[in-house]
C-alpha atoms as a PDB file:
ATOM      1  CA  UNK A   1     116.099 -57.388 -91.140  1.00  0.00           C
ATOM      2  CA  UNK A   2     114.043 -55.702 -88.486  1.00  0.00           C
ATOM      3  CA  UNK A   3     114.093 -51.963 -89.116  1.00  0.00           C
ATOM      4  CA  UNK A   4     113.002 -50.025 -92.158  1.00  0.00           C
ATOM      5  CA  UNK A   5     114.327 -46.561 -92.833  1.00  0.00           C
ATOM      6  CA  UNK A   6     112.836 -44.296 -95.479  1.00  0.00           C
ATOM      7  CA  UNK A   7     115.286 -41.700 -96.782  1.00  0.00           C
ATOM      8  CA  UNK A   8     117.420 -42.244 -93.718  1.00  0.00           C
ATOM      9  CA  UNK A   9     114.732 -41.677 -91.085  1.00  0.00           C
ATOM     10  CA  UNK A  10     114.344 -44.202 -88.267  1.00  0.00           C
ATOM     11  CA  UNK A  11     111.160 -46.168 -87.762  1.00  0.00           C
ATOM     12  CA  UNK A  12     110.197 -45.372 -84.127  1.00  0.00           C
ATOM     13  CA  UNK A  13     108.067 -48.532 -83.785  1.00  0.00           C
ATOM     14  CA  UNK A  14     111.167 -50.752 -83.850  1.00  0.00           C
ATOM     15  CA  UNK A  15     113.480 -51.157 -80.885  1.00  0.00           C
ATOM     16  CA  UNK A  16     116.185 -53.571 -82.102  1.00  0.00           C
ATOM     17  CA  UNK A  17     118.747 -51.598 -84.080  1.00  0.00           C
ATOM     18  CA  UNK A  18     121.070 -54.508 -84.817  1.00  0.00           C
ATOM     19  CA  UNK A  19     119.857 -55.054 -88.375  1.00  0.00           C
ATOM     20  CA  UNK A  20     118.608 -52.230 -90.516  1.00  0.00           C
ATOM     21  CA  UNK A  21     117.227 -51.431 -93.950  1.00  0.00           C
ATOM     22  CA  UNK A  22     117.466 -48.287 -95.998  1.00  0.00           C
ATOM     23  CA  UNK A  23     114.608 -48.126 -98.443  1.00  0.00           C
ATOM     24  CA  UNK A  24     113.880 -45.825-101.352  1.00  0.00           C
ATOM     25  CA  UNK A  25     110.498 -45.231-102.960  1.00  0.00           C
ATOM     26  CA  UNK A  26     107.093 -46.234-101.701  1.00  0.00           C
ATOM     27  CA  UNK A  27     106.841 -49.927-102.563  1.00  0.00           C
ATOM     28  CA  UNK A  28     107.034 -52.571 -99.867  1.00  0.00           C
ATOM     29  CA  UNK A  29     110.638 -53.327 -98.973  1.00  0.00           C
ATOM     30  CA  UNK A  30     109.991 -57.080 -99.270  1.00  0.00           C
ATOM     31  CA  UNK A  31     109.276 -56.664-102.989  1.00  0.00           C
ATOM     32  CA  UNK A  32     112.445 -54.751-103.834  1.00  0.00           C
ATOM     33  CA  UNK A  33     115.893 -55.963-104.823  1.00  0.00           C
ATOM     34  CA  UNK A  34     118.204 -56.322-101.808  1.00  0.00           C
ATOM     35  CA  UNK A  35     121.701 -54.917-101.661  1.00  0.00           C
ATOM     36  CA  UNK A  36     123.846 -55.566 -98.607  1.00  0.00           C
ATOM     37  CA  UNK A  37     126.316 -53.145 -97.063  1.00  0.00           C
ATOM     38  CA  UNK A  38     129.235 -54.316 -94.931  1.00  0.00           C
ATOM     39  CA  UNK A  39     131.675 -51.863 -93.461  1.00  0.00           C
ATOM     40  CA  UNK A  40     134.258 -51.441 -90.744  1.00  0.00           C
ATOM     41  CA  UNK A  41     132.370 -49.977 -87.741  1.00  0.00           C
ATOM     42  CA  UNK A  42     134.391 -46.739 -87.910  1.00  0.00           C
ATOM     43  CA  UNK A  43     133.451 -46.199 -91.559  1.00  0.00           C
ATOM     44  CA  UNK A  44     129.662 -46.662 -91.498  1.00  0.00           C
ATOM     45  CA  UNK A  45     128.767 -43.046 -90.744  1.00  0.00           C
ATOM     46  CA  UNK A  46     131.146 -41.821 -93.434  1.00  0.00           C
ATOM     47  CA  UNK A  47     130.086 -44.131 -96.240  1.00  0.00           C
ATOM     48  CA  UNK A  48     126.574 -45.534 -95.784  1.00  0.00           C
ATOM     49  CA  UNK A  49     124.530 -42.492 -96.810  1.00  0.00           C
ATOM     50  CA  UNK A  50     126.843 -41.694 -99.724  1.00  0.00           C
ATOM     51  CA  UNK A  51     126.704 -45.149-101.241  1.00  0.00           C
ATOM     52  CA  UNK A  52     122.981 -45.622-100.590  1.00  0.00           C
ATOM     53  CA  UNK A  53     122.353 -42.422-102.533  1.00  0.00           C
ATOM     54  CA  UNK A  54     124.525 -43.741-105.377  1.00  0.00           C
ATOM     55  CA  UNK A  55     122.615 -47.048-105.408  1.00  0.00           C
ATOM     56  CA  UNK A  56     119.207 -45.351-105.226  1.00  0.00           C
ATOM     57  CA  UNK A  57     120.095 -43.194-108.272  1.00  0.00           C
ATOM     58  CA  UNK A  58     120.298 -46.423-110.242  1.00  0.00           C
ATOM     59  CA  UNK A  59     117.920 -48.903-108.645  1.00  0.00           C
ATOM     60  CA  UNK A  60     114.720 -48.725-106.592  1.00  0.00           C
ATOM     61  CA  UNK A  61     115.960 -51.056-103.896  1.00  0.00           C
ATOM     62  CA  UNK A  62     116.580 -51.813-100.250  1.00  0.00           C
ATOM     63  CA  UNK A  63     120.056 -51.544 -98.730  1.00  0.00           C
ATOM     64  CA  UNK A  64     120.502 -53.868 -95.747  1.00  0.00           C
ATOM     65  CA  UNK A  65     123.215 -53.614 -93.133  1.00  0.00           C
ATOM     66  CA  UNK A  66     124.118 -54.768 -89.649  1.00  0.00           C
ATOM     67  CA  UNK A  67     125.074 -51.927 -87.382  1.00  0.00           C
ATOM     68  CA  UNK A  68     126.833 -54.061 -84.764  1.00  0.00           C
ATOM     69  CA  UNK A  69     129.849 -55.525 -86.547  1.00  0.00           C
ATOM     70  CA  UNK A  70     131.672 -56.394 -83.313  1.00  0.00           C
ATOM     71  CA  UNK A  71     129.695 -59.545 -82.520  1.00  0.00           C
ATOM     72  CA  UNK A  72     130.148 -62.853 -84.378  1.00  0.00           C
ATOM     73  CA  UNK A  73     128.041 -63.486 -87.467  1.00  0.00           C
ATOM     74  CA  UNK A  74     124.821 -65.261 -86.448  1.00  0.00           C
ATOM     75  CA  UNK A  75     122.948 -67.960 -88.365  1.00  0.00           C
ATOM     76  CA  UNK A  76     120.037 -65.527 -88.845  1.00  0.00           C
ATOM     77  CA  UNK A  77     122.385 -62.958 -90.351  1.00  0.00           C
ATOM     78  CA  UNK A  78     123.826 -65.636 -92.641  1.00  0.00           C
ATOM     79  CA  UNK A  79     120.315 -66.524 -93.831  1.00  0.00           C
ATOM     80  CA  UNK A  80     119.597 -62.855 -94.538  1.00  0.00           C
ATOM     81  CA  UNK A  81     122.911 -62.439 -96.347  1.00  0.00           C
ATOM     82  CA  UNK A  82     122.224 -65.505 -98.488  1.00  0.00           C
ATOM     83  CA  UNK A  83     119.020 -63.822 -99.766  1.00  0.00           C
ATOM     84  CA  UNK A  84     120.840 -60.656-100.806  1.00  0.00           C
ATOM     85  CA  UNK A  85     121.954 -60.358-104.432  1.00  0.00           C
ATOM     86  CA  UNK A  86     124.855 -57.917-104.160  1.00  0.00           C
ATOM     87  CA  UNK A  87     127.055 -56.427-101.426  1.00  0.00           C
ATOM     88  CA  UNK A  88     128.864 -53.108-101.186  1.00  0.00           C
ATOM     89  CA  UNK A  89     131.981 -52.943 -99.047  1.00  0.00           C
ATOM     90  CA  UNK A  90     133.764 -49.608 -98.659  1.00  0.00           C
ATOM     91  CA  UNK A  91     137.487 -50.019 -98.137  1.00  0.00           C
ATOM     92  CA  UNK A  92     139.322 -47.387 -96.166  1.00  0.00           C
ATOM     93  CA  UNK A  93     142.641 -47.689 -94.376  1.00  0.00           C
ATOM     94  CA  UNK A  94     140.808 -48.567 -91.136  1.00  0.00           C
ATOM     95  CA  UNK A  95     139.544 -51.817 -92.676  1.00  0.00           C
ATOM     96  CA  UNK A  96     142.914 -52.781 -94.118  1.00  0.00           C
ATOM     97  CA  UNK A  97     144.619 -52.090 -90.780  1.00  0.00           C
ATOM     98  CA  UNK A  98     142.192 -54.315 -88.888  1.00  0.00           C
ATOM     99  CA  UNK A  99     143.960 -57.512 -87.854  1.00  0.00           C
ATOM    100  CA  UNK A 100     140.863 -59.368 -86.601  1.00  0.00           C
ATOM    101  CA  UNK A 101     137.858 -57.781 -88.233  1.00  0.00           C
ATOM    102  CA  UNK A 102     134.557 -59.643 -88.570  1.00  0.00           C
ATOM    103  CA  UNK A 103     134.056 -58.361 -92.110  1.00  0.00           C
ATOM    104  CA  UNK A 104     137.337 -59.829 -93.334  1.00  0.00           C
ATOM    105  CA  UNK A 105     137.298 -62.936 -91.133  1.00  0.00           C
ATOM    106  CA  UNK A 106     133.625 -63.987 -91.362  1.00  0.00           C
ATOM    107  CA  UNK A 107     131.370 -61.933 -93.646  1.00  0.00           C
ATOM    108  CA  UNK A 108     133.592 -61.764 -96.707  1.00  0.00           C
ATOM    109  CA  UNK A 109     134.583 -65.475 -96.795  1.00  0.00           C
ATOM    110  CA  UNK A 110     130.925 -66.448 -96.264  1.00  0.00           C
ATOM    111  CA  UNK A 111     129.728 -64.257 -99.150  1.00  0.00           C
ATOM    112  CA  UNK A 112     132.490 -65.460-101.442  1.00  0.00           C
ATOM    113  CA  UNK A 113     131.597 -69.091-100.655  1.00  0.00           C
ATOM    114  CA  UNK A 114     128.026 -68.334-101.811  1.00  0.00           C
ATOM    115  CA  UNK A 115     129.303 -66.574-104.946  1.00  0.00           C
ATOM    116  CA  UNK A 116     127.420 -63.383-104.079  1.00  0.00           C
ATOM    117  CA  UNK A 117     129.006 -60.438-105.928  1.00  0.00           C
ATOM    118  CA  UNK A 118     130.879 -58.005-103.681  1.00  0.00           C
ATOM    119  CA  UNK A 119     131.766 -54.515-104.858  1.00  0.00           C
ATOM    120  CA  UNK A 120     134.766 -53.333-102.863  1.00  0.00           C
ATOM    121  CA  UNK A 121     134.794 -49.543-103.054  1.00  0.00           C
ATOM    122  CA  UNK A 122     138.256 -48.110-102.525  1.00  0.00           C
ATOM    123  CA  UNK A 123     138.180 -44.732-100.787  1.00  0.00           C
ATOM    124  CA  UNK A 124     141.266 -42.629-100.373  1.00  0.00           C
ATOM    125  CA  UNK A 125     144.529 -42.050-102.179  1.00  0.00           C
ATOM    126  CA  UNK A 126     146.825 -44.925-103.115  1.00  0.00           C
ATOM    127  CA  UNK A 127     144.372 -47.645-102.074  1.00  0.00           C
ATOM    128  CA  UNK A 128     144.580 -49.843-105.192  1.00  0.00           C
ATOM    129  CA  UNK A 129     148.015 -51.313-104.484  1.00  0.00           C
ATOM    130  CA  UNK A 130     147.191 -52.021-100.820  1.00  0.00           C
ATOM    131  CA  UNK A 131     143.884 -53.665-101.771  1.00  0.00           C
ATOM    132  CA  UNK A 132     145.260 -55.702-104.669  1.00  0.00           C
ATOM    133  CA  UNK A 133     148.011 -57.165-102.482  1.00  0.00           C
ATOM    134  CA  UNK A 134     145.734 -58.015 -99.526  1.00  0.00           C
ATOM    135  CA  UNK A 135     144.958 -61.745 -99.833  1.00  0.00           C
ATOM    136  CA  UNK A 136     141.816 -61.319 -97.688  1.00  0.00           C
ATOM    137  CA  UNK A 137     140.201 -59.334-100.513  1.00  0.00           C
ATOM    138  CA  UNK A 138     140.578 -61.910-103.285  1.00  0.00           C
ATOM    139  CA  UNK A 139     137.293 -62.572-105.053  1.00  0.00           C
ATOM    140  CA  UNK A 140     135.819 -59.065-104.889  1.00  0.00           C
ATOM    141  CA  UNK A 141     135.220 -56.561-107.684  1.00  0.00           C
ATOM    142  CA  UNK A 142     137.193 -53.368-107.131  1.00  0.00           C
ATOM    143  CA  UNK A 143     135.698 -49.948-107.761  1.00  0.00           C
ATOM    144  CA  UNK A 144     137.643 -46.739-107.162  1.00  0.00           C
ATOM    145  CA  UNK A 145     135.564 -43.968-105.590  1.00  0.00           C
ATOM    146  CA  UNK A 146     138.330 -41.451-106.181  1.00  0.00           C
ATOM    147  CA  UNK A 147     138.507 -38.052-104.627  1.00  0.00           C
ATOM    148  CA  UNK A 148     137.606 -35.656-107.409  1.00  0.00           C
ATOM    149  CA  UNK A 149     134.348 -35.035-109.318  1.00  0.00           C
ATOM    150  CA  UNK A 150     135.602 -36.806-112.469  1.00  0.00           C
ATOM    151  CA  UNK A 151     136.552 -39.930-110.528  1.00  0.00           C
ATOM    152  CA  UNK A 152     133.230 -39.939-108.654  1.00  0.00           C
ATOM    153  CA  UNK A 153     131.313 -39.680-111.938  1.00  0.00           C
ATOM    154  CA  UNK A 154     133.308 -42.630-113.321  1.00  0.00           C
ATOM    155  CA  UNK A 155     132.647 -44.575-110.101  1.00  0.00           C
ATOM    156  CA  UNK A 156     128.881 -43.986-110.456  1.00  0.00           C
ATOM    157  CA  UNK A 157     128.936 -45.275-114.038  1.00  0.00           C
ATOM    158  CA  UNK A 158     130.891 -48.385-112.997  1.00  0.00           C
ATOM    159  CA  UNK A 159     128.500 -48.942-110.064  1.00  0.00           C
ATOM    160  CA  UNK A 160     125.526 -48.682-112.412  1.00  0.00           C
ATOM    161  CA  UNK A 161     127.138 -51.179-114.806  1.00  0.00           C
ATOM    162  CA  UNK A 162     127.598 -53.644-111.930  1.00  0.00           C
ATOM    163  CA  UNK A 163     124.034 -53.157-110.671  1.00  0.00           C
ATOM    164  CA  UNK A 164     122.637 -53.691-114.179  1.00  0.00           C
ATOM    165  CA  UNK A 165     124.752 -56.852-114.541  1.00  0.00           C
ATOM    166  CA  UNK A 166     123.294 -58.283-111.314  1.00  0.00           C
ATOM    167  CA  UNK A 167     119.696 -57.034-111.438  1.00  0.00           C
ATOM    168  CA  UNK A 168     119.051 -56.129-115.086  1.00  0.00           C
ATOM    169  CA  UNK A 169     117.485 -59.455-116.037  1.00  0.00           C
ATOM    170  CA  UNK A 170     115.189 -59.774-113.013  1.00  0.00           C
ATOM    171  CA  UNK A 171     111.492 -59.326-113.679  1.00  0.00           C
ATOM    172  CA  UNK A 172     109.929 -56.293-112.009  1.00  0.00           C
ATOM    173  CA  UNK A 173     113.258 -54.526-111.400  1.00  0.00           C
ATOM    174  CA  UNK A 174     113.473 -50.924-112.548  1.00  0.00           C
ATOM    175  CA  UNK A 175     116.905 -49.587-113.487  1.00  0.00           C
ATOM    176  CA  UNK A 176     117.070 -45.772-113.602  1.00  0.00           C
END
């Protein structure tokens, strides 16, 4: 990944914005656990900051994502994805309505073939039935973000449980 962002601020020394990192804390990003983020292009601005904040509450980590999801998955991106331990994938109606979406056609099958855990975060009312019946989403772990404070609190606890399950046994990893 080429760009490093600290608390959401761009690194002006980098020009290529195709692959990005969101980084919390002061340690070198190369030394931190990596979490990937894949999202429908319309949903990135809505969900990236929210879910990075939720991850950073639990784990001092780096969240990696590709901003341009309209081009085919490259071999370099596949190599980067293969070195990432966990992926977050927000699911809104825009993703489910996408008939030929790179995330569902390329990214998701590739990650599932590598057995990398994928947390599919359902956002919006009545999403569970639509997600559970969509054959493209088989092999992911479903989390419900909900729409009220109680549901969000439950989501954060479930997210923390998943993060601990993936990263809890790794040496040098700090779970908050």
